[in-house]
Amino acid sequence: GVKHKSNKSNLVALVNPNDCTGCHTCFDLCPTDCFVWEDVPA
């Protein structure tokens, strides 16, 4: 049940950390700044 109060679809974006290149495009496009950085999986 963790979602933004304006989220009526109950869908959220999910990043597969094994496939993320760190290109930053999702950060640039997101209107709600929901993306954050984390360490590459060991």
Full PDB file with SEQRES, HELIX, SHEET, SSBOND, CRYST1, ORIGX, SCALE, CONECT and MASTER records, all heavy atoms in Angstrom:
SEQRES   1 A   42  GLY VAL LYS HIS LYS SER ASN LYS SER ASN LEU VAL ALA          
SEQRES   2 A   42  LEU VAL ASN PRO ASN ASP CYS THR GLY CYS HIS THR CYS          
SEQRES   3 A   42  PHE ASP LEU CYS PRO THR ASP CYS PHE VAL TRP GLU ASP          
SEQRES   4 A   42  VAL PRO ALA                                                  
HELIX    1 AA1 THR A   25  LEU A   29  1                                   5    
CRYST1    1.000    1.000    1.000  90.00  90.00  90.00 P 1           1          
ORIGX1      1.000000  0.000000  0.000000        0.00000                         
ORIGX2      0.000000  1.000000  0.000000        0.00000                         
ORIGX3      0.000000  0.000000  1.000000        0.00000                         
SCALE1      1.000000  0.000000  0.000000        0.00000                         
SCALE2      0.000000  1.000000  0.000000        0.00000                         
SCALE3      0.000000  0.000000  1.000000        0.00000                         
ATOM      1  N   GLY A   1       0.787  -1.221   0.000  1.00  0.00           N  
ATOM      2  CA  GLY A   1       0.000   0.000   0.000  1.00  0.00           C  
ATOM      3  C   GLY A   1       0.823   1.277   0.000  1.00  0.00           C  
ATOM      4  O   GLY A   1       0.300   2.344   0.225  1.00  0.00           O  
ATOM      5  N   VAL A   2       2.130   1.163  -0.252  1.00  0.00           N  
ATOM      6  CA  VAL A   2       2.989   2.348  -0.276  1.00  0.00           C  
ATOM      7  C   VAL A   2       2.976   2.928  -1.672  1.00  0.00           C  
ATOM      8  O   VAL A   2       3.508   2.342  -2.602  1.00  0.00           O  
ATOM      9  CB  VAL A   2       4.446   2.001   0.118  1.00  0.00           C  
ATOM     10  CG1 VAL A   2       5.328   3.227   0.041  1.00  0.00           C  
ATOM     11  CG2 VAL A   2       4.492   1.405   1.506  1.00  0.00           C  
ATOM     12  N   LYS A   3       2.330   4.050  -1.821  1.00  0.00           N  
ATOM     13  CA  LYS A   3       2.300   4.729  -3.103  1.00  0.00           C  
ATOM     14  C   LYS A   3       1.968   6.192  -2.879  1.00  0.00           C  
ATOM     15  O   LYS A   3       1.487   6.586  -1.821  1.00  0.00           O  
ATOM     16  CB  LYS A   3       1.302   4.089  -4.050  1.00  0.00           C  
ATOM     17  CG  LYS A   3      -0.141   4.158  -3.580  1.00  0.00           C  
ATOM     18  CD  LYS A   3      -1.064   3.545  -4.602  1.00  0.00           C  
ATOM     19  CE  LYS A   3      -2.506   3.780  -4.191  1.00  0.00           C  
ATOM     20  NZ  LYS A   3      -3.447   3.402  -5.222  1.00  0.00           N  
ATOM     21  N   HIS A   4       2.209   6.983  -3.882  1.00  0.00           N  
ATOM     22  CA  HIS A   4       1.932   8.409  -3.838  1.00  0.00           C  
ATOM     23  C   HIS A   4       0.427   8.636  -3.729  1.00  0.00           C  
ATOM     24  O   HIS A   4      -0.360   7.892  -4.308  1.00  0.00           O  
ATOM     25  CB  HIS A   4       2.480   9.055  -5.114  1.00  0.00           C  
ATOM     26  CG  HIS A   4       2.504  10.542  -5.090  1.00  0.00           C  
ATOM     27  ND1 HIS A   4       1.399  11.300  -5.377  1.00  0.00           N  
ATOM     28  CD2 HIS A   4       3.496  11.409  -4.803  1.00  0.00           C  
ATOM     29  CE1 HIS A   4       1.706  12.580  -5.298  1.00  0.00           C  
ATOM     30  NE2 HIS A   4       2.981  12.668  -4.939  1.00  0.00           N  
ATOM     31  N   LYS A   5       0.026   9.656  -2.999  1.00  0.00           N  
ATOM     32  CA  LYS A   5      -1.412   9.907  -2.800  1.00  0.00           C  
ATOM     33  C   LYS A   5      -2.140  10.197  -4.112  1.00  0.00           C  
ATOM     34  O   LYS A   5      -3.338   9.985  -4.211  1.00  0.00           O  
ATOM     35  CB  LYS A   5      -1.610  11.052  -1.815  1.00  0.00           C  
ATOM     36  CG  LYS A   5      -1.034  12.359  -2.281  1.00  0.00           C  
ATOM     37  CD  LYS A   5      -1.147  13.448  -1.239  1.00  0.00           C  
ATOM     38  CE  LYS A   5      -0.474  14.712  -1.744  1.00  0.00           C  
ATOM     39  NZ  LYS A   5      -0.357  15.723  -0.749  1.00  0.00           N  
ATOM     40  N   SER A   6      -1.426  10.662  -5.137  1.00  0.00           N  
ATOM     41  CA  SER A   6      -2.049  10.935  -6.436  1.00  0.00           C  
ATOM     42  C   SER A   6      -2.044   9.728  -7.358  1.00  0.00           C  
ATOM     43  O   SER A   6      -2.515   9.808  -8.485  1.00  0.00           O  
ATOM     44  CB  SER A   6      -1.318  12.086  -7.127  1.00  0.00           C  
ATOM     45  OG  SER A   6      -1.434  13.263  -6.378  1.00  0.00           O  
ATOM     46  N   ASN A   7      -1.504   8.613  -6.913  1.00  0.00           N  
ATOM     47  CA  ASN A   7      -1.404   7.417  -7.749  1.00  0.00           C  
ATOM     48  C   ASN A   7      -2.710   6.642  -7.692  1.00  0.00           C  
ATOM     49  O   ASN A   7      -2.993   5.943  -6.738  1.00  0.00           O  
ATOM     50  CB  ASN A   7      -0.237   6.548  -7.272  1.00  0.00           C  
ATOM     51  CG  ASN A   7       0.049   5.399  -8.200  1.00  0.00           C  
ATOM     52  OD1 ASN A   7      -0.809   4.963  -8.953  1.00  0.00           O  
ATOM     53  ND2 ASN A   7       1.266   4.891  -8.130  1.00  0.00           N  
ATOM     54  N   LYS A   8      -3.501   6.762  -8.740  1.00  0.00           N  
ATOM     55  CA  LYS A   8      -4.795   6.076  -8.784  1.00  0.00           C  
ATOM     56  C   LYS A   8      -4.694   4.701  -9.458  1.00  0.00           C  
ATOM     57  O   LYS A   8      -5.586   3.891  -9.355  1.00  0.00           O  
ATOM     58  CB  LYS A   8      -5.805   6.944  -9.509  1.00  0.00           C  
ATOM     59  CG  LYS A   8      -6.042   8.260  -8.773  1.00  0.00           C  
ATOM     60  CD  LYS A   8      -7.162   9.047  -9.385  1.00  0.00           C  
ATOM     61  CE  LYS A   8      -7.438  10.363  -8.730  1.00  0.00           C  
ATOM     62  NZ  LYS A   8      -6.585  10.850  -7.714  1.00  0.00           N  
ATOM     63  N   SER A   9      -3.589   4.430 -10.123  1.00  0.00           N  
ATOM     64  CA  SER A   9      -3.458   3.177 -10.869  1.00  0.00           C  
ATOM     65  C   SER A   9      -2.917   2.028 -10.034  1.00  0.00           C  
ATOM     66  O   SER A   9      -2.984   0.887 -10.443  1.00  0.00           O  
ATOM     67  CB  SER A   9      -2.517   3.385 -12.067  1.00  0.00           C  
ATOM     68  OG  SER A   9      -1.188   3.586 -11.619  1.00  0.00           O  
ATOM     69  N   ASN A  10      -2.348   2.330  -8.878  1.00  0.00           N  
ATOM     70  CA  ASN A  10      -1.681   1.351  -8.015  1.00  0.00           C  
ATOM     71  C   ASN A  10      -0.472   0.717  -8.699  1.00  0.00           C  
ATOM     72  O   ASN A  10      -0.013  -0.339  -8.320  1.00  0.00           O  
ATOM     73  CB  ASN A  10      -2.634   0.269  -7.520  1.00  0.00           C  
ATOM     74  CG  ASN A  10      -2.124  -0.369  -6.237  1.00  0.00           C  
ATOM     75  OD1 ASN A  10      -1.653   0.323  -5.348  1.00  0.00           O  
ATOM     76  ND2 ASN A  10      -2.184  -1.675  -6.142  1.00  0.00           N  
ATOM     77  N   LEU A  11       0.059   1.370  -9.743  1.00  0.00           N  
ATOM     78  CA  LEU A  11       1.280   0.935 -10.397  1.00  0.00           C  
ATOM     79  C   LEU A  11       2.420   1.871 -10.007  1.00  0.00           C  
ATOM     80  O   LEU A  11       2.211   3.078  -9.872  1.00  0.00           O  
ATOM     81  CB  LEU A  11       1.131   0.941 -11.913  1.00  0.00           C  
ATOM     82  CG  LEU A  11       0.149  -0.058 -12.497  1.00  0.00           C  
ATOM     83  CD1 LEU A  11       0.029   0.158 -14.010  1.00  0.00           C  
ATOM     84  CD2 LEU A  11       0.571  -1.492 -12.207  1.00  0.00           C  
ATOM     85  N   VAL A  12       3.592   1.311  -9.830  1.00  0.00           N  
ATOM     86  CA  VAL A  12       4.781   2.120  -9.564  1.00  0.00           C  
ATOM     87  C   VAL A  12       5.912   1.628 -10.458  1.00  0.00           C  
ATOM     88  O   VAL A  12       5.935   0.474 -10.875  1.00  0.00           O  
ATOM     89  CB  VAL A  12       5.226   2.053  -8.079  1.00  0.00           C  
ATOM     90  CG1 VAL A  12       4.209   2.716  -7.171  1.00  0.00           C  
ATOM     91  CG2 VAL A  12       5.487   0.628  -7.641  1.00  0.00           C  
ATOM     92  N   ALA A  13       6.843   2.519 -10.743  1.00  0.00           N  
ATOM     93  CA  ALA A  13       8.017   2.137 -11.523  1.00  0.00           C  
ATOM     94  C   ALA A  13       8.921   1.261 -10.675  1.00  0.00           C  
ATOM     95  O   ALA A  13       8.997   1.408  -9.452  1.00  0.00           O  
ATOM     96  CB  ALA A  13       8.760   3.379 -11.988  1.00  0.00           C  
ATOM     97  N   LEU A  14       9.594   0.344 -11.327  1.00  0.00           N  
ATOM     98  CA  LEU A  14      10.558  -0.529 -10.657  1.00  0.00           C  
ATOM     99  C   LEU A  14      11.797  -0.598 -11.534  1.00  0.00           C  
ATOM    100  O   LEU A  14      11.700  -0.753 -12.751  1.00  0.00           O  
ATOM    101  CB  LEU A  14       9.972  -1.929 -10.476  1.00  0.00           C  
ATOM    102  CG  LEU A  14      10.922  -2.967  -9.873  1.00  0.00           C  
ATOM    103  CD1 LEU A  14      11.180  -2.656  -8.402  1.00  0.00           C  
ATOM    104  CD2 LEU A  14      10.347  -4.357 -10.024  1.00  0.00           C  
ATOM    105  N   VAL A  15      12.959  -0.471 -10.913  1.00  0.00           N  
ATOM    106  CA  VAL A  15      14.226  -0.559 -11.626  1.00  0.00           C  
ATOM    107  C   VAL A  15      14.895  -1.881 -11.277  1.00  0.00           C  
ATOM    108  O   VAL A  15      15.061  -2.202 -10.106  1.00  0.00           O  
ATOM    109  CB  VAL A  15      15.167   0.602 -11.233  1.00  0.00           C  
ATOM    110  CG1 VAL A  15      16.512   0.465 -11.945  1.00  0.00           C  
ATOM    111  CG2 VAL A  15      14.541   1.945 -11.533  1.00  0.00           C  
ATOM    112  N   ASN A  16      15.285  -2.631 -12.294  1.00  0.00           N  
ATOM    113  CA  ASN A  16      16.079  -3.830 -12.076  1.00  0.00           C  
ATOM    114  C   ASN A  16      17.533  -3.362 -11.971  1.00  0.00           C  
ATOM    115  O   ASN A  16      18.113  -2.920 -12.968  1.00  0.00           O  
ATOM    116  CB  ASN A  16      15.917  -4.812 -13.235  1.00  0.00           C  
ATOM    117  CG  ASN A  16      16.745  -6.060 -13.059  1.00  0.00           C  
ATOM    118  OD1 ASN A  16      17.761  -6.065 -12.381  1.00  0.00           O  
ATOM    119  ND2 ASN A  16      16.310  -7.126 -13.703  1.00  0.00           N  
ATOM    120  N   PRO A  17      18.133  -3.409 -10.779  1.00  0.00           N  
ATOM    121  CA  PRO A  17      19.485  -2.871 -10.602  1.00  0.00           C  
ATOM    122  C   PRO A  17      20.553  -3.610 -11.403  1.00  0.00           C  
ATOM    123  O   PRO A  17      21.624  -3.059 -11.662  1.00  0.00           O  
ATOM    124  CB  PRO A  17      19.734  -2.998  -9.102  1.00  0.00           C  
ATOM    125  CG  PRO A  17      18.805  -4.066  -8.644  1.00  0.00           C  
ATOM    126  CD  PRO A  17      17.611  -4.008  -9.550  1.00  0.00           C  
ATOM    127  N   ASN A  18      20.258  -4.813 -11.841  1.00  0.00           N  
ATOM    128  CA  ASN A  18      21.223  -5.554 -12.651  1.00  0.00           C  
ATOM    129  C   ASN A  18      21.236  -5.090 -14.095  1.00  0.00           C  
ATOM    130  O   ASN A  18      22.191  -5.352 -14.828  1.00  0.00           O  
ATOM    131  CB  ASN A  18      20.946  -7.053 -12.587  1.00  0.00           C  
ATOM    132  CG  ASN A  18      21.280  -7.618 -11.236  1.00  0.00           C  
ATOM    133  OD1 ASN A  18      22.362  -7.381 -10.711  1.00  0.00           O  
ATOM    134  ND2 ASN A  18      20.355  -8.331 -10.640  1.00  0.00           N  
ATOM    135  N   ASP A  19      20.183  -4.397 -14.527  1.00  0.00           N  
ATOM    136  CA  ASP A  19      20.109  -3.915 -15.901  1.00  0.00           C  
ATOM    137  C   ASP A  19      20.270  -2.409 -16.024  1.00  0.00           C  
ATOM    138  O   ASP A  19      20.325  -1.873 -17.125  1.00  0.00           O  
ATOM    139  CB  ASP A  19      18.774  -4.328 -16.530  1.00  0.00           C  
ATOM    140  CG  ASP A  19      18.671  -5.831 -16.737  1.00  0.00           C  
ATOM    141  OD1 ASP A  19      19.723  -6.473 -16.905  1.00  0.00           O  
ATOM    142  OD2 ASP A  19      17.553  -6.357 -16.710  1.00  0.00           O  
ATOM    143  N   CYS A  20      20.358  -1.694 -14.922  1.00  0.00           N  
ATOM    144  CA  CYS A  20      20.472  -0.231 -14.939  1.00  0.00           C  
ATOM    145  C   CYS A  20      21.897   0.174 -15.314  1.00  0.00           C  
ATOM    146  O   CYS A  20      22.867  -0.315 -14.732  1.00  0.00           O  
ATOM    147  CB  CYS A  20      20.115   0.333 -13.564  1.00  0.00           C  
ATOM    148  SG  CYS A  20      20.257   2.136 -13.446  1.00  0.00           S  
ATOM    149  N   THR A  21      22.004   1.066 -16.290  1.00  0.00           N  
ATOM    150  CA  THR A  21      23.318   1.553 -16.722  1.00  0.00           C  
ATOM    151  C   THR A  21      23.734   2.814 -15.973  1.00  0.00           C  
ATOM    152  O   THR A  21      24.860   3.266 -16.125  1.00  0.00           O  
ATOM    153  CB  THR A  21      23.323   1.876 -18.226  1.00  0.00           C  
ATOM    154  OG1 THR A  21      22.401   2.931 -18.474  1.00  0.00           O  
ATOM    155  CG2 THR A  21      22.970   0.653 -19.058  1.00  0.00           C  
ATOM    156  N   GLY A  22      22.821   3.405 -15.207  1.00  0.00           N  
ATOM    157  CA  GLY A  22      23.134   4.651 -14.517  1.00  0.00           C  
ATOM    158  C   GLY A  22      23.128   5.852 -15.443  1.00  0.00           C  
ATOM    159  O   GLY A  22      23.796   6.844 -15.185  1.00  0.00           O  
ATOM    160  N   CYS A  23      22.359   5.796 -16.515  1.00  0.00           N  
ATOM    161  CA  CYS A  23      22.373   6.863 -17.532  1.00  0.00           C  
ATOM    162  C   CYS A  23      21.709   8.158 -17.066  1.00  0.00           C  
ATOM    163  O   CYS A  23      21.912   9.196 -17.662  1.00  0.00           O  
ATOM    164  CB  CYS A  23      21.717   6.385 -18.819  1.00  0.00           C  
ATOM    165  SG  CYS A  23      19.913   6.279 -18.747  1.00  0.00           S  
ATOM    166  N   HIS A  24      20.884   8.102 -16.050  1.00  0.00           N  
ATOM    167  CA  HIS A  24      20.240   9.270 -15.442  1.00  0.00           C  
ATOM    168  C   HIS A  24      19.014   9.764 -16.206  1.00  0.00           C  
ATOM    169  O   HIS A  24      18.364  10.724 -15.806  1.00  0.00           O  
ATOM    170  CB  HIS A  24      21.257  10.417 -15.286  1.00  0.00           C  
ATOM    171  CG  HIS A  24      20.884  11.405 -14.229  1.00  0.00           C  
ATOM    172  ND1 HIS A  24      20.070  12.489 -14.473  1.00  0.00           N  
ATOM    173  CD2 HIS A  24      21.212  11.473 -12.925  1.00  0.00           C  
ATOM    174  CE1 HIS A  24      19.919  13.190 -13.362  1.00  0.00           C  
ATOM    175  NE2 HIS A  24      20.603  12.588 -12.400  1.00  0.00           N  
ATOM    176  N   THR A  25      18.627   9.143 -17.302  1.00  0.00           N  
ATOM    177  CA  THR A  25      17.489   9.619 -18.094  1.00  0.00           C  
ATOM    178  C   THR A  25      16.190   9.584 -17.293  1.00  0.00           C  
ATOM    179  O   THR A  25      15.390  10.519 -17.362  1.00  0.00           O  
ATOM    180  CB  THR A  25      17.336   8.800 -19.386  1.00  0.00           C  
ATOM    181  OG1 THR A  25      18.569   8.855 -20.108  1.00  0.00           O  
ATOM    182  CG2 THR A  25      16.212   9.340 -20.253  1.00  0.00           C  
ATOM    183  N   CYS A  26      15.975   8.540 -16.515  1.00  0.00           N  
ATOM    184  CA  CYS A  26      14.747   8.457 -15.714  1.00  0.00           C  
ATOM    185  C   CYS A  26      14.684   9.603 -14.700  1.00  0.00           C  
ATOM    186  O   CYS A  26      13.615  10.166 -14.453  1.00  0.00           O  
ATOM    187  CB  CYS A  26      14.637   7.106 -15.016  1.00  0.00           C  
ATOM    188  SG  CYS A  26      16.063   6.636 -14.017  1.00  0.00           S  
ATOM    189  N   PHE A  27      15.820   9.986 -14.130  1.00  0.00           N  
ATOM    190  CA  PHE A  27      15.868  11.124 -13.207  1.00  0.00           C  
ATOM    191  C   PHE A  27      15.431  12.400 -13.922  1.00  0.00           C  
ATOM    192  O   PHE A  27      14.697  13.214 -13.365  1.00  0.00           O  
ATOM    193  CB  PHE A  27      17.296  11.337 -12.683  1.00  0.00           C  
ATOM    194  CG  PHE A  27      17.740  10.365 -11.631  1.00  0.00           C  
ATOM    195  CD1 PHE A  27      18.178   9.103 -11.974  1.00  0.00           C  
ATOM    196  CD2 PHE A  27      17.744  10.731 -10.296  1.00  0.00           C  
ATOM    197  CE1 PHE A  27      18.615   8.215 -11.003  1.00  0.00           C  
ATOM    198  CE2 PHE A  27      18.171   9.848  -9.318  1.00  0.00           C  
ATOM    199  CZ  PHE A  27      18.609   8.588  -9.672  1.00  0.00           C  
ATOM    200  N   ASP A  28      15.925  12.578 -15.148  1.00  0.00           N  
ATOM    201  CA  ASP A  28      15.619  13.793 -15.905  1.00  0.00           C  
ATOM    202  C   ASP A  28      14.157  13.885 -16.301  1.00  0.00           C  
ATOM    203  O   ASP A  28      13.587  14.977 -16.364  1.00  0.00           O  
ATOM    204  CB  ASP A  28      16.482  13.850 -17.168  1.00  0.00           C  
ATOM    205  CG  ASP A  28      17.966  13.973 -16.850  1.00  0.00           C  
ATOM    206  OD1 ASP A  28      18.312  14.441 -15.739  1.00  0.00           O  
ATOM    207  OD2 ASP A  28      18.781  13.602 -17.715  1.00  0.00           O  
ATOM    208  N   LEU A  29      13.522  12.747 -16.576  1.00  0.00           N  
ATOM    209  CA  LEU A  29      12.138  12.744 -17.041  1.00  0.00           C  
ATOM    210  C   LEU A  29      11.100  12.782 -15.924  1.00  0.00           C  
ATOM    211  O   LEU A  29      10.002  13.290 -16.115  1.00  0.00           O  
ATOM    212  CB  LEU A  29      11.878  11.502 -17.899  1.00  0.00           C  
ATOM    213  CG  LEU A  29      12.601  11.429 -19.235  1.00  0.00           C  
ATOM    214  CD1 LEU A  29      12.348  10.078 -19.889  1.00  0.00           C  
ATOM    215  CD2 LEU A  29      12.154  12.558 -20.142  1.00  0.00           C  
ATOM    216  N   CYS A  30      11.412  12.244 -14.772  1.00  0.00           N  
ATOM    217  CA  CYS A  30      10.420  12.050 -13.710  1.00  0.00           C  
ATOM    218  C   CYS A  30       9.914  13.379 -13.136  1.00  0.00           C  
ATOM    219  O   CYS A  30      10.691  14.163 -12.602  1.00  0.00           O  
ATOM    220  CB  CYS A  30      11.015  11.212 -12.583  1.00  0.00           C  
ATOM    221  SG  CYS A  30       9.815  10.882 -11.275  1.00  0.00           S  
ATOM    222  N   PRO A  31       8.596  13.606 -13.212  1.00  0.00           N  
ATOM    223  CA  PRO A  31       8.045  14.854 -12.676  1.00  0.00           C  
ATOM    224  C   PRO A  31       7.926  14.874 -11.151  1.00  0.00           C  
ATOM    225  O   PRO A  31       7.699  15.927 -10.569  1.00  0.00           O  
ATOM    226  CB  PRO A  31       6.656  14.942 -13.326  1.00  0.00           C  
ATOM    227  CG  PRO A  31       6.282  13.522 -13.593  1.00  0.00           C  
ATOM    228  CD  PRO A  31       7.570  12.807 -13.893  1.00  0.00           C  
ATOM    229  N   THR A  32       8.097  13.720 -10.495  1.00  0.00           N  
ATOM    230  CA  THR A  32       7.958  13.687  -9.033  1.00  0.00           C  
ATOM    231  C   THR A  32       9.254  13.360  -8.309  1.00  0.00           C  
ATOM    232  O   THR A  32       9.251  13.156  -7.099  1.00  0.00           O  
ATOM    233  CB  THR A  32       6.887  12.652  -8.614  1.00  0.00           C  
ATOM    234  OG1 THR A  32       7.292  11.353  -9.050  1.00  0.00           O  
ATOM    235  CG2 THR A  32       5.529  13.008  -9.189  1.00  0.00           C  
ATOM    236  N   ASP A  33      10.359  13.293  -9.050  1.00  0.00           N  
ATOM    237  CA  ASP A  33      11.668  13.006  -8.437  1.00  0.00           C  
ATOM    238  C   ASP A  33      11.635  11.736  -7.592  1.00  0.00           C  
ATOM    239  O   ASP A  33      12.133  11.713  -6.467  1.00  0.00           O  
ATOM    240  CB  ASP A  33      12.154  14.186  -7.595  1.00  0.00           C  
ATOM    241  CG  ASP A  33      12.389  15.430  -8.424  1.00  0.00           C  
ATOM    242  OD1 ASP A  33      12.913  15.292  -9.552  1.00  0.00           O  
ATOM    243  OD2 ASP A  33      12.053  16.529  -7.964  1.00  0.00           O  
ATOM    244  N   CYS A  34      11.051  10.684  -8.131  1.00  0.00           N  
ATOM    245  CA  CYS A  34      10.940   9.442  -7.352  1.00  0.00           C  
ATOM    246  C   CYS A  34      12.179   8.563  -7.447  1.00  0.00           C  
ATOM    247  O   CYS A  34      12.292   7.589  -6.725  1.00  0.00           O  
ATOM    248  CB  CYS A  34       9.695   8.660  -7.745  1.00  0.00           C  
ATOM    249  SG  CYS A  34       9.768   7.834  -9.341  1.00  0.00           S  
ATOM    250  N   PHE A  35      13.132   8.917  -8.312  1.00  0.00           N  
ATOM    251  CA  PHE A  35      14.341   8.100  -8.467  1.00  0.00           C  
ATOM    252  C   PHE A  35      15.438   8.586  -7.530  1.00  0.00           C  
ATOM    253  O   PHE A  35      15.629   9.783  -7.344  1.00  0.00           O  
ATOM    254  CB  PHE A  35      14.829   8.130  -9.915  1.00  0.00           C  
ATOM    255  CG  PHE A  35      13.897   7.433 -10.857  1.00  0.00           C  
ATOM    256  CD1 PHE A  35      12.919   8.152 -11.532  1.00  0.00           C  
ATOM    257  CD2 PHE A  35      13.965   6.073 -11.058  1.00  0.00           C  
ATOM    258  CE1 PHE A  35      12.040   7.515 -12.395  1.00  0.00           C  
ATOM    259  CE2 PHE A  35      13.093   5.428 -11.915  1.00  0.00           C  
ATOM    260  CZ  PHE A  35      12.124   6.143 -12.585  1.00  0.00           C  
ATOM    261  N   VAL A  36      16.142   7.636  -6.942  1.00  0.00           N  
ATOM    262  CA  VAL A  36      17.286   7.924  -6.076  1.00  0.00           C  
ATOM    263  C   VAL A  36      18.425   6.994  -6.489  1.00  0.00           C  
ATOM    264  O   VAL A  36      18.197   5.979  -7.152  1.00  0.00           O  
ATOM    265  CB  VAL A  36      16.944   7.730  -4.576  1.00  0.00           C  
ATOM    266  CG1 VAL A  36      15.889   8.720  -4.123  1.00  0.00           C  
ATOM    267  CG2 VAL A  36      16.486   6.310  -4.290  1.00  0.00           C  
ATOM    268  N   TRP A  37      19.641   7.344  -6.098  1.00  0.00           N  
ATOM    269  CA  TRP A  37      20.793   6.501  -6.400  1.00  0.00           C  
ATOM    270  C   TRP A  37      21.033   5.500  -5.299  1.00  0.00           C  
ATOM    271  O   TRP A  37      20.800   5.784  -4.133  1.00  0.00           O  
ATOM    272  CB  TRP A  37      22.060   7.347  -6.557  1.00  0.00           C  
ATOM    273  CG  TRP A  37      22.102   8.187  -7.780  1.00  0.00           C  
ATOM    274  CD1 TRP A  37      22.124   9.560  -7.823  1.00  0.00           C  
ATOM    275  CD2 TRP A  37      22.136   7.764  -9.141  1.00  0.00           C  
ATOM    276  NE1 TRP A  37      22.168   9.986  -9.126  1.00  0.00           N  
ATOM    277  CE2 TRP A  37      22.173   8.906  -9.958  1.00  0.00           C  
ATOM    278  CE3 TRP A  37      22.128   6.517  -9.747  1.00  0.00           C  
ATOM    279  CZ2 TRP A  37      22.222   8.839 -11.342  1.00  0.00           C  
ATOM    280  CZ3 TRP A  37      22.170   6.448 -11.138  1.00  0.00           C  
ATOM    281  CH2 TRP A  37      22.219   7.599 -11.913  1.00  0.00           C  
ATOM    282  N   GLU A  38      21.527   4.339  -5.677  1.00  0.00           N  
ATOM    283  CA  GLU A  38      21.970   3.361  -4.691  1.00  0.00           C  
ATOM    284  C   GLU A  38      23.185   2.631  -5.267  1.00  0.00           C  
ATOM    285  O   GLU A  38      23.470   2.710  -6.464  1.00  0.00           O  
ATOM    286  CB  GLU A  38      20.871   2.374  -4.313  1.00  0.00           C  
ATOM    287  CG  GLU A  38      20.493   1.374  -5.347  1.00  0.00           C  
ATOM    288  CD  GLU A  38      19.468   0.372  -4.824  1.00  0.00           C  
ATOM    289  OE1 GLU A  38      18.798   0.617  -3.818  1.00  0.00           O  
ATOM    290  OE2 GLU A  38      19.348  -0.668  -5.462  1.00  0.00           O  
ATOM    291  N   ASP A  39      23.895   1.939  -4.407  1.00  0.00           N  
ATOM    292  CA  ASP A  39      25.093   1.218  -4.837  1.00  0.00           C  
ATOM    293  C   ASP A  39      24.738   0.101  -5.809  1.00  0.00           C  
ATOM    294  O   ASP A  39      23.663  -0.497  -5.726  1.00  0.00           O  
ATOM    295  CB  ASP A  39      25.817   0.610  -3.642  1.00  0.00           C  
ATOM    296  CG  ASP A  39      26.451   1.666  -2.753  1.00  0.00           C  
ATOM    297  OD1 ASP A  39      26.719   2.782  -3.248  1.00  0.00           O  
ATOM    298  OD2 ASP A  39      26.669   1.382  -1.573  1.00  0.00           O  
ATOM    299  N   VAL A  40      25.650  -0.181  -6.703  1.00  0.00           N  
ATOM    300  CA  VAL A  40      25.498  -1.302  -7.622  1.00  0.00           C  
ATOM    301  C   VAL A  40      25.483  -2.584  -6.791  1.00  0.00           C  
ATOM    302  O   VAL A  40      26.277  -2.725  -5.855  1.00  0.00           O  
ATOM    303  CB  VAL A  40      26.673  -1.330  -8.626  1.00  0.00           C  
ATOM    304  CG1 VAL A  40      26.637  -2.582  -9.481  1.00  0.00           C  
ATOM    305  CG2 VAL A  40      26.649  -0.092  -9.494  1.00  0.00           C  
ATOM    306  N   PRO A  41      24.579  -3.520  -7.091  1.00  0.00           N  
ATOM    307  CA  PRO A  41      24.545  -4.770  -6.329  1.00  0.00           C  
ATOM    308  C   PRO A  41      25.891  -5.487  -6.372  1.00  0.00           C  
ATOM    309  O   PRO A  41      26.512  -5.586  -7.426  1.00  0.00           O  
ATOM    310  CB  PRO A  41      23.464  -5.598  -7.019  1.00  0.00           C  
ATOM    311  CG  PRO A  41      22.659  -4.636  -7.817  1.00  0.00           C  
ATOM    312  CD  PRO A  41      23.560  -3.493  -8.142  1.00  0.00           C  
ATOM    313  N   ALA A  42      26.311  -5.977  -5.239  1.00  0.00           N  
ATOM    314  CA  ALA A  42      27.607  -6.659  -5.144  1.00  0.00           C  
ATOM    315  C   ALA A  42      27.638  -7.931  -5.992  1.00  0.00           C  
ATOM    316  O   ALA A  42      28.692  -8.337  -6.475  1.00  0.00           O  
ATOM    317  CB  ALA A  42      27.907  -6.992  -3.691  1.00  0.00           C  
TER     318      ALA A  42                                                      
MASTER        0    0    0    1    0    0    0    6  317    1    0    4          
END                                                                             
